[in-house]
Amino acid sequence: LYVMTRSDMGKAKRIRNNPQVKVAPCTIRGKVTGPEFAARARILPPEEHRSARKTLDRKYWMARIPWIWRRTDTYIEISFG
């Protein structure tokens, strides 16, 4: 699972301090709608951004629109298990 964000956002700072995360389905406003799953997050180094970007582009057409990602400078990989 990949997430794109800015390096100065709270989620990136939290992951730098503790890579253990919980992932759950939720509404667009963040209301949890299902069970939580333990996972491990990793801030990707710049040389891995292209691969993450291609994966997101294949799944989410809006990720291809420049204004969505123009301020994005960090990609996070979330692994389960």
N, C-alpha and C. Protein backbone atom coordinates (compact mmCIF):
# COMPACT_ATOMS: atom_id res chain seq x y z
N LEU A 1 0.86 -1.16 0.00
CA LEU A 1 0.00 0.00 0.00
C LEU A 1 0.91 1.22 0.00
N TYR A 2 0.62 2.17 -0.91
CA TYR A 2 1.41 3.40 -0.97
C TYR A 2 0.53 4.60 -0.63
N VAL A 3 1.15 5.58 0.00
CA VAL A 3 0.50 6.85 0.34
C VAL A 3 1.44 7.95 -0.12
N MET A 4 0.88 9.00 -0.72
CA MET A 4 1.71 10.15 -1.07
C MET A 4 1.31 11.31 -0.17
N THR A 5 2.30 12.07 0.28
CA THR A 5 2.06 13.17 1.20
C THR A 5 3.23 14.15 1.13
N ARG A 6 3.16 15.15 1.96
CA ARG A 6 4.28 16.10 2.09
C ARG A 6 5.12 15.69 3.30
N SER A 7 6.40 15.93 3.24
CA SER A 7 7.30 15.53 4.32
C SER A 7 7.05 16.28 5.62
N ASP A 8 6.40 17.44 5.53
CA ASP A 8 6.14 18.22 6.75
C ASP A 8 4.78 17.92 7.37
N MET A 9 4.06 16.94 6.85
CA MET A 9 2.75 16.58 7.40
C MET A 9 2.92 15.68 8.62
N GLY A 10 1.91 15.70 9.49
CA GLY A 10 1.96 14.94 10.74
C GLY A 10 2.21 13.46 10.56
N LYS A 11 1.56 12.85 9.54
CA LYS A 11 1.73 11.39 9.37
C LYS A 11 3.18 11.03 9.06
N ALA A 12 3.86 11.84 8.28
CA ALA A 12 5.26 11.56 7.96
C ALA A 12 6.14 11.71 9.21
N LYS A 13 5.87 12.71 10.01
CA LYS A 13 6.63 12.91 11.24
C LYS A 13 6.41 11.75 12.21
N ARG A 14 5.17 11.30 12.35
CA ARG A 14 4.88 10.18 13.26
C ARG A 14 5.57 8.91 12.80
N ILE A 15 5.57 8.65 11.50
CA ILE A 15 6.20 7.44 10.97
C ILE A 15 7.71 7.48 11.18
N ARG A 16 8.31 8.64 11.05
CA ARG A 16 9.75 8.74 11.31
C ARG A 16 10.07 8.36 12.76
N ASN A 17 9.16 8.71 13.67
CA ASN A 17 9.37 8.40 15.09
C ASN A 17 9.00 6.97 15.45
N ASN A 18 7.99 6.40 14.78
CA ASN A 18 7.52 5.06 15.09
C ASN A 18 6.87 4.46 13.84
N PRO A 19 7.50 3.48 13.22
CA PRO A 19 6.96 2.91 11.98
C PRO A 19 5.76 1.97 12.17
N GLN A 20 5.42 1.67 13.42
CA GLN A 20 4.25 0.80 13.66
C GLN A 20 2.99 1.64 13.49
N VAL A 21 2.09 1.20 12.61
CA VAL A 21 0.86 1.94 12.33
C VAL A 21 -0.34 1.01 12.37
N LYS A 22 -1.52 1.60 12.41
CA LYS A 22 -2.77 0.85 12.28
C LYS A 22 -3.49 1.39 11.06
N VAL A 23 -4.04 0.48 10.27
CA VAL A 23 -4.75 0.86 9.05
C VAL A 23 -6.17 0.32 9.16
N ALA A 24 -7.15 1.15 8.79
CA ALA A 24 -8.55 0.73 8.85
C ALA A 24 -9.33 1.41 7.74
N PRO A 25 -10.39 0.76 7.27
CA PRO A 25 -11.26 1.44 6.30
C PRO A 25 -11.97 2.60 6.99
N CYS A 26 -12.18 3.68 6.24
CA CYS A 26 -12.84 4.84 6.83
C CYS A 26 -13.53 5.67 5.75
N THR A 27 -14.32 6.62 6.22
CA THR A 27 -14.98 7.54 5.30
C THR A 27 -13.96 8.59 4.85
N ILE A 28 -14.35 9.41 3.91
CA ILE A 28 -13.46 10.47 3.43
C ILE A 28 -13.11 11.45 4.55
N ARG A 29 -13.93 11.51 5.58
CA ARG A 29 -13.68 12.40 6.71
C ARG A 29 -12.91 11.72 7.84
N GLY A 30 -12.55 10.45 7.65
CA GLY A 30 -11.72 9.77 8.64
C GLY A 30 -12.47 8.95 9.68
N LYS A 31 -13.80 8.85 9.56
CA LYS A 31 -14.56 8.03 10.51
C LYS A 31 -14.30 6.55 10.19
N VAL A 32 -13.77 5.82 11.16
CA VAL A 32 -13.44 4.41 10.96
C VAL A 32 -14.72 3.60 10.76
N THR A 33 -14.71 2.76 9.73
CA THR A 33 -15.91 1.98 9.38
C THR A 33 -15.69 0.47 9.45
N GLY A 34 -14.52 0.05 9.87
CA GLY A 34 -14.23 -1.38 9.93
C GLY A 34 -13.08 -1.67 10.86
N PRO A 35 -12.61 -2.90 10.85
CA PRO A 35 -11.54 -3.30 11.77
C PRO A 35 -10.19 -2.68 11.43
N GLU A 36 -9.37 -2.52 12.48
CA GLU A 36 -8.01 -2.01 12.31
C GLU A 36 -7.05 -3.17 12.07
N PHE A 37 -6.01 -2.91 11.32
CA PHE A 37 -4.98 -3.90 11.04
C PHE A 37 -3.62 -3.30 11.39
N ALA A 38 -2.81 -4.08 12.08
CA ALA A 38 -1.45 -3.63 12.40
C ALA A 38 -0.60 -3.68 11.14
N ALA A 39 0.26 -2.69 10.98
CA ALA A 39 1.12 -2.63 9.80
C ALA A 39 2.40 -1.89 10.15
N ARG A 40 3.31 -1.87 9.21
CA ARG A 40 4.58 -1.16 9.37
C ARG A 40 4.73 -0.20 8.19
N ALA A 41 5.05 1.04 8.49
CA ALA A 41 5.19 2.06 7.45
C ALA A 41 6.66 2.42 7.26
N ARG A 42 6.97 2.81 6.04
CA ARG A 42 8.35 3.17 5.70
C ARG A 42 8.32 4.36 4.76
N ILE A 43 9.07 5.41 5.10
CA ILE A 43 9.23 6.55 4.21
C ILE A 43 10.17 6.10 3.10
N LEU A 44 9.71 6.20 1.86
CA LEU A 44 10.54 5.73 0.74
C LEU A 44 11.63 6.74 0.40
N PRO A 45 12.82 6.25 0.10
CA PRO A 45 13.89 7.14 -0.36
C PRO A 45 13.55 7.63 -1.77
N PRO A 46 14.08 8.77 -2.19
CA PRO A 46 13.75 9.34 -3.50
C PRO A 46 13.90 8.38 -4.68
N GLU A 47 14.86 7.47 -4.63
CA GLU A 47 15.05 6.56 -5.76
C GLU A 47 13.90 5.55 -5.90
N GLU A 48 13.03 5.43 -4.90
CA GLU A 48 11.88 4.53 -4.98
C GLU A 48 10.57 5.27 -5.28
N HIS A 49 10.61 6.59 -5.37
CA HIS A 49 9.39 7.37 -5.62
C HIS A 49 8.74 7.02 -6.95
N ARG A 50 9.53 6.84 -7.98
CA ARG A 50 8.97 6.59 -9.32
C ARG A 50 8.10 5.33 -9.35
N SER A 51 8.56 4.27 -8.72
CA SER A 51 7.81 3.02 -8.67
C SER A 51 6.49 3.21 -7.92
N ALA A 52 6.54 3.89 -6.78
CA ALA A 52 5.33 4.15 -6.01
C ALA A 52 4.37 5.01 -6.81
N ARG A 53 4.90 6.01 -7.46
CA ARG A 53 4.08 6.92 -8.28
C ARG A 53 3.35 6.17 -9.39
N LYS A 54 4.05 5.29 -10.08
CA LYS A 54 3.44 4.51 -11.16
C LYS A 54 2.32 3.62 -10.63
N THR A 55 2.54 3.02 -9.47
CA THR A 55 1.52 2.17 -8.86
C THR A 55 0.27 2.99 -8.53
N LEU A 56 0.45 4.15 -7.94
CA LEU A 56 -0.69 5.01 -7.61
C LEU A 56 -1.41 5.49 -8.87
N ASP A 57 -0.65 5.84 -9.89
CA ASP A 57 -1.26 6.31 -11.15
C ASP A 57 -2.13 5.24 -11.79
N ARG A 58 -1.70 3.99 -11.71
CA ARG A 58 -2.50 2.90 -12.30
C ARG A 58 -3.82 2.73 -11.58
N LYS A 59 -3.83 2.91 -10.27
CA LYS A 59 -5.03 2.66 -9.48
C LYS A 59 -5.95 3.88 -9.41
N TYR A 60 -5.38 5.06 -9.26
CA TYR A 60 -6.18 6.27 -9.02
C TYR A 60 -5.93 7.28 -10.12
N TRP A 61 -6.91 7.47 -11.00
CA TRP A 61 -6.74 8.39 -12.13
C TRP A 61 -6.49 9.82 -11.67
N MET A 62 -7.07 10.21 -10.53
CA MET A 62 -6.86 11.59 -10.06
C MET A 62 -5.41 11.84 -9.67
N ALA A 63 -4.67 10.79 -9.34
CA ALA A 63 -3.26 10.96 -8.98
C ALA A 63 -2.44 11.46 -10.16
N ARG A 64 -3.00 11.36 -11.36
CA ARG A 64 -2.28 11.82 -12.56
C ARG A 64 -2.43 13.33 -12.79
N ILE A 65 -3.33 13.97 -12.07
CA ILE A 65 -3.57 15.40 -12.24
C ILE A 65 -2.52 16.17 -11.43
N PRO A 66 -1.73 17.00 -12.09
CA PRO A 66 -0.60 17.67 -11.42
C PRO A 66 -0.95 18.45 -10.16
N TRP A 67 -2.08 19.16 -10.11
CA TRP A 67 -2.37 19.96 -8.92
C TRP A 67 -2.62 19.10 -7.70
N ILE A 68 -2.94 17.83 -7.87
CA ILE A 68 -3.14 16.93 -6.74
C ILE A 68 -1.81 16.64 -6.05
N TRP A 69 -0.76 16.46 -6.82
CA TRP A 69 0.50 16.00 -6.26
C TRP A 69 1.65 16.99 -6.34
N ARG A 70 1.41 18.18 -6.81
CA ARG A 70 2.53 19.10 -7.04
C ARG A 70 3.32 19.42 -5.76
N ARG A 71 2.67 19.36 -4.60
CA ARG A 71 3.38 19.64 -3.35
C ARG A 71 3.81 18.35 -2.64
N THR A 72 3.52 17.22 -3.26
CA THR A 72 3.91 15.94 -2.68
C THR A 72 5.40 15.73 -2.87
N ASP A 73 6.08 15.43 -1.78
CA ASP A 73 7.50 15.15 -1.91
C ASP A 73 7.90 13.90 -1.14
N THR A 74 6.92 13.19 -0.62
CA THR A 74 7.20 11.98 0.15
C THR A 74 6.21 10.89 -0.19
N TYR A 75 6.72 9.69 -0.30
CA TYR A 75 5.88 8.51 -0.50
C TYR A 75 6.12 7.56 0.66
N ILE A 76 5.03 6.96 1.14
CA ILE A 76 5.09 6.04 2.27
C ILE A 76 4.62 4.68 1.80
N GLU A 77 5.35 3.65 2.16
CA GLU A 77 4.96 2.27 1.86
C GLU A 77 4.46 1.64 3.15
N ILE A 78 3.27 1.04 3.10
CA ILE A 78 2.70 0.37 4.26
C ILE A 78 2.63 -1.11 3.97
N SER A 79 3.24 -1.91 4.87
CA SER A 79 3.29 -3.37 4.70
C SER A 79 2.53 -4.04 5.83
N PHE A 80 1.79 -5.07 5.50
CA PHE A 80 1.02 -5.82 6.48
C PHE A 80 1.71 -7.15 6.77
N GLY A 81 1.52 -7.60 8.01
CA GLY A 81 2.03 -8.93 8.38
C GLY A 81 3.37 -8.85 8.87
